[in-house]
Protein backbone atom coordinates (compact mmCIF):
# COMPACT_ATOMS: atom_id res chain seq x y z
CA UNK A 1 29.77 29.28 -21.84
CA UNK A 2 30.45 26.24 -20.03
CA UNK A 3 29.06 22.96 -21.04
CA UNK A 4 26.31 21.64 -19.69
CA UNK A 5 26.02 18.27 -17.51
CA UNK A 6 23.97 15.52 -19.44
CA UNK A 7 23.37 11.96 -18.90
CA UNK A 8 21.58 9.04 -20.12
CA UNK A 9 21.11 9.80 -23.90
CA UNK A 10 19.72 7.20 -25.86
CA UNK A 11 18.37 6.54 -30.08
CA UNK A 12 16.11 4.31 -31.55
CA UNK A 13 14.18 3.75 -34.58
CA UNK A 14 10.69 3.18 -33.78
CA UNK A 15 8.57 1.30 -36.22
CA UNK A 16 5.59 2.44 -36.36
CA UNK A 17 2.62 1.94 -38.73
CA UNK A 18 3.86 3.74 -41.85
CA UNK A 19 7.08 4.63 -40.86
CA UNK A 20 10.22 4.37 -38.62
CA UNK A 21 10.98 7.40 -36.56
CA UNK A 22 14.21 8.52 -34.75
CA UNK A 23 13.93 8.89 -31.11
CA UNK A 24 16.83 10.68 -29.57
CA UNK A 25 16.61 11.31 -25.62
CA UNK A 26 18.71 11.99 -22.86
CA UNK A 27 19.14 14.39 -19.52
CA UNK A 28 20.39 17.76 -18.97
CA UNK A 29 21.06 19.59 -15.88
CA UNK A 30 20.17 23.46 -15.74
CA UNK A 31 20.94 26.18 -13.46
CA UNK A 32 17.34 27.18 -12.99
CA UNK A 33 13.41 26.00 -13.40
CA UNK A 34 12.13 27.78 -15.82
CA UNK A 35 14.90 26.96 -18.23
CA UNK A 36 14.48 24.15 -21.51
CA UNK A 37 16.70 22.21 -23.39
CA UNK A 38 16.50 21.98 -26.76
CA UNK A 39 17.77 19.90 -29.16
CA UNK A 40 17.93 20.82 -33.41
CA UNK A 41 19.40 19.27 -36.16
CA UNK A 42 22.60 20.65 -37.16
CA UNK A 43 24.20 18.33 -40.18
CA UNK A 44 24.64 15.13 -41.02
CA UNK A 45 28.14 13.44 -41.77
CA UNK A 46 28.01 10.03 -43.26
CA UNK A 47 25.76 7.96 -40.74
CA UNK A 48 25.93 10.51 -37.87
CA UNK A 49 23.16 12.34 -36.83
CA UNK A 50 24.81 16.17 -35.38
CA UNK A 51 22.40 17.73 -32.95
CA UNK A 52 23.21 21.39 -31.38
CA UNK A 53 22.19 21.45 -27.71
CA UNK A 54 20.62 24.65 -26.73
CA UNK A 55 19.26 25.88 -23.17
CA UNK A 56 16.45 28.25 -23.85
CA UNK A 57 15.78 30.12 -20.62
CA UNK A 58 12.21 30.54 -19.48
CA UNK A 59 10.18 34.15 -18.72
CA UNK A 60 11.66 36.36 -16.07
CA UNK A 61 10.24 34.84 -12.39
CA UNK A 62 8.42 32.23 -13.75
CA UNK A 63 11.36 29.63 -11.86
CA UNK A 64 13.68 29.43 -8.75
CA UNK A 65 17.24 29.72 -9.28
CA UNK A 66 18.37 25.80 -8.45
CA UNK A 67 19.75 23.56 -10.63
CA UNK A 68 17.76 21.03 -11.62
CA UNK A 69 17.73 17.93 -14.35
CA UNK A 70 15.31 18.47 -17.36
CA UNK A 71 14.70 16.20 -19.97
CA UNK A 72 16.21 16.45 -23.80
CA UNK A 73 14.28 15.26 -26.57
CA UNK A 74 14.27 15.01 -30.34
CA UNK A 75 12.42 12.91 -33.33
CA UNK A 76 12.11 12.70 -37.02
CA UNK A 77 10.31 10.28 -39.59
CA UNK A 78 13.39 8.18 -41.14
CA UNK A 79 14.62 5.15 -42.94
CA UNK A 80 15.80 2.05 -41.23
CA UNK A 81 19.38 1.37 -40.80
CA UNK A 82 19.61 5.46 -41.84
CA UNK A 83 21.66 6.63 -38.91
CA UNK A 84 23.97 4.21 -36.65
CA UNK A 85 25.14 7.41 -34.39
CA UNK A 86 23.89 10.76 -33.21
CA UNK A 87 26.60 13.09 -32.10
CA UNK A 88 25.28 15.60 -29.30
CA UNK A 89 26.85 19.37 -29.66
CA UNK A 90 27.24 22.58 -27.55
CA UNK A 91 28.34 25.00 -29.13
CA UNK A 92 30.07 23.74 -31.50
CA UNK A 93 32.06 20.76 -29.52
CA UNK A 94 31.00 17.52 -28.95
CA UNK A 95 29.72 16.78 -24.98
CA UNK A 96 28.09 13.15 -25.98
CA UNK A 97 27.70 10.41 -28.20
CA UNK A 98 25.27 7.43 -28.28
CA UNK A 99 24.44 4.61 -30.85
CA UNK A 100 21.78 3.85 -32.88
CA UNK A 101 19.81 0.85 -31.92
CA UNK A 102 16.28 -0.58 -33.13
CA UNK A 103 13.15 -1.47 -30.70
CA UNK A 104 14.56 -4.96 -30.05
CA UNK A 105 17.92 -3.89 -28.79
CA UNK A 106 16.69 -0.71 -26.99
CA UNK A 107 14.61 -3.42 -24.78
CA UNK A 108 17.71 -4.78 -24.03
CA UNK A 109 19.56 -2.14 -23.10
CA UNK A 110 16.85 -0.93 -20.61
CA UNK A 111 16.68 -4.37 -18.72
CA UNK A 112 20.82 -3.98 -18.73
CA UNK A 113 19.77 -0.68 -16.93
CA UNK A 114 17.40 -1.92 -14.44
CA UNK A 115 19.59 -4.85 -13.76
CA UNK A 116 22.79 -2.99 -13.05
CA UNK A 117 20.52 -0.56 -10.89
CA UNK A 118 18.89 -2.98 -9.48
CA UNK A 119 22.43 -4.72 -8.27
CA UNK A 120 24.21 -1.50 -7.02
CA UNK A 121 20.53 -0.96 -5.10
CA UNK A 122 21.01 -4.31 -3.25
CA UNK A 123 24.65 -3.88 -2.47
CA UNK A 124 22.98 -0.50 -0.20
CA UNK A 125 22.65 -1.03 3.68
CA UNK A 126 19.07 -2.63 3.93
CA UNK A 127 18.93 -4.77 0.89
CA UNK A 128 17.49 -2.86 -1.45
CA UNK A 129 14.25 -1.91 -2.83
CA UNK A 130 13.40 -5.57 -2.97
CA UNK A 131 14.52 -6.55 0.66
CA UNK A 132 12.08 -3.79 1.85
CA UNK A 133 9.27 -4.57 0.29
CA UNK A 134 9.71 -8.55 1.14
CA UNK A 135 9.96 -7.14 4.90
CA UNK A 136 6.90 -4.71 4.29
CA UNK A 137 4.93 -7.55 2.84
CA UNK A 138 6.03 -9.88 5.98
CA UNK A 139 5.16 -7.33 8.47
CA UNK A 140 1.72 -6.39 6.50
CA UNK A 141 0.90 -10.47 6.70
CA UNK A 142 2.28 -11.05 10.64
CA UNK A 143 -0.28 -7.84 11.65
CA UNK A 144 -3.17 -9.18 9.59
CA UNK A 145 -2.74 -12.51 11.35
CA UNK A 146 -2.30 -10.89 14.64
CA UNK A 147 -6.09 -8.72 13.76
CA UNK A 148 -7.30 -11.94 13.06
CA UNK A 149 -6.42 -13.95 16.14
CA UNK A 150 -7.56 -11.08 18.34
CA UNK A 151 -11.05 -10.86 16.91
CA UNK A 152 -11.08 -14.86 17.52
CA UNK A 153 -10.84 -13.99 20.70
CA UNK A 154 -12.86 -11.32 21.27
CA UNK A 155 -15.41 -13.00 19.78
CA UNK A 156 -15.12 -16.12 21.34
CA UNK A 157 -15.09 -14.30 25.00
CA UNK A 158 -18.49 -12.92 23.96
CA UNK A 159 -20.30 -16.42 22.90
CA UNK A 160 -18.86 -17.57 26.18
CA UNK A 161 -20.50 -14.69 28.37
CA UNK A 162 -23.42 -14.97 26.84
CA UNK A 163 -24.06 -18.66 27.20
CA UNK A 164 -22.61 -17.97 31.06
CA UNK A 165 -25.54 -15.20 31.08
CA UNK A 166 -27.77 -17.55 29.29
CA UNK A 167 -27.44 -20.55 32.05
CA UNK A 168 -28.13 -18.13 34.86
CA UNK A 169 -30.79 -16.58 33.83
CA UNK A 170 -32.66 -20.16 33.01
CA UNK A 171 -31.08 -21.30 36.49
CA UNK A 172 -32.91 -18.26 38.27
CA UNK A 173 -36.14 -18.98 36.88
CA UNK A 174 -36.23 -22.71 37.27
CA UNK A 175 -35.96 -22.16 40.77
CA UNK A 176 -39.03 -19.25 40.86
CA UNK A 177 -41.17 -22.28 39.03
CA UNK A 178 -40.21 -24.65 41.43
CA UNK A 179 -40.73 -22.45 44.54
CA UNK A 180 -44.56 -21.51 43.15
CA UNK A 181 -45.24 -25.41 42.58
CA UNK A 182 -43.82 -26.69 46.19
CA UNK A 183 -47.23 -28.30 47.97
CA UNK A 184 -48.06 -27.65 51.53
CA UNK A 185 -47.03 -30.38 53.44
CA UNK A 186 -50.04 -31.59 55.61
CA UNK A 187 -47.95 -32.13 58.88
CA UNK A 188 -48.14 -28.33 59.11
CA UNK A 189 -51.81 -28.28 58.24
CA UNK A 190 -52.66 -30.95 60.95
CA UNK A 191 -50.65 -29.03 63.54
CA UNK A 192 -52.08 -25.99 62.87
CA UNK A 193 -55.83 -27.32 63.64
CA UNK A 194 -54.79 -28.89 66.95
CA UNK A 195 -53.38 -26.10 68.21
CA UNK A 196 -56.77 -24.29 67.24
CA UNK A 197 -58.67 -26.90 68.79
CA UNK A 198 -56.42 -26.76 71.85
CA UNK A 199 -56.90 -23.27 72.08
CA UNK A 200 -60.33 -23.28 73.07
CA UNK A 201 -61.17 -24.48 76.96
CA UNK A 202 -63.60 -26.47 78.41
CA UNK A 203 -65.36 -25.38 81.19
CA UNK A 204 -65.49 -28.13 83.65
CA UNK A 205 -69.67 -29.88 84.55
CA UNK A 206 -71.46 -28.74 87.49
CA UNK A 207 -72.06 -31.65 90.09
CA UNK A 208 -74.80 -31.84 91.78
CA UNK A 209 -75.20 -31.27 95.89
CA UNK A 210 -75.59 -34.32 97.58
């Protein structure tokens, strides 16, 4: 059987409250989503820990027949500097090795991996995730400013319309009040009286016979 593809093996001594624990992690490519990689101790060769890698098939019919990456884990309690290296073997043949580091060295290792990944991504078209995030932030800020301006314009338009309506109403009210209070002209009264008197015709006085 051909050895599976593996990558990203790490081994570190993790200091805990009462002991130190050796943690070994890696990724193994399996051919079925139900398969699980397993690591078991095979032997100690000086300060090198030898681990056997096996693939345990899942229950029949539970997985899909597609290649996927699955995590592989191993841990054991140990003393400080008990191991210097870990050797991963498959069917008796070494397929990967990794150096044992402490917590501080492991953190530095992760930082270096992250920096390398970011540099590789930034070299791709589009400038990588950092540039994409900056563009998204600028776009969101511009959209927010546009929305604020639009809201301010609408609010100003509503206020102007309300002022115009109030002025128009006040003007109409003033005209009505003035019309009610306007006095009747005296000349019109006199003219009316004259017309009434002139409308009555006087009979001529009879003169006596001579």
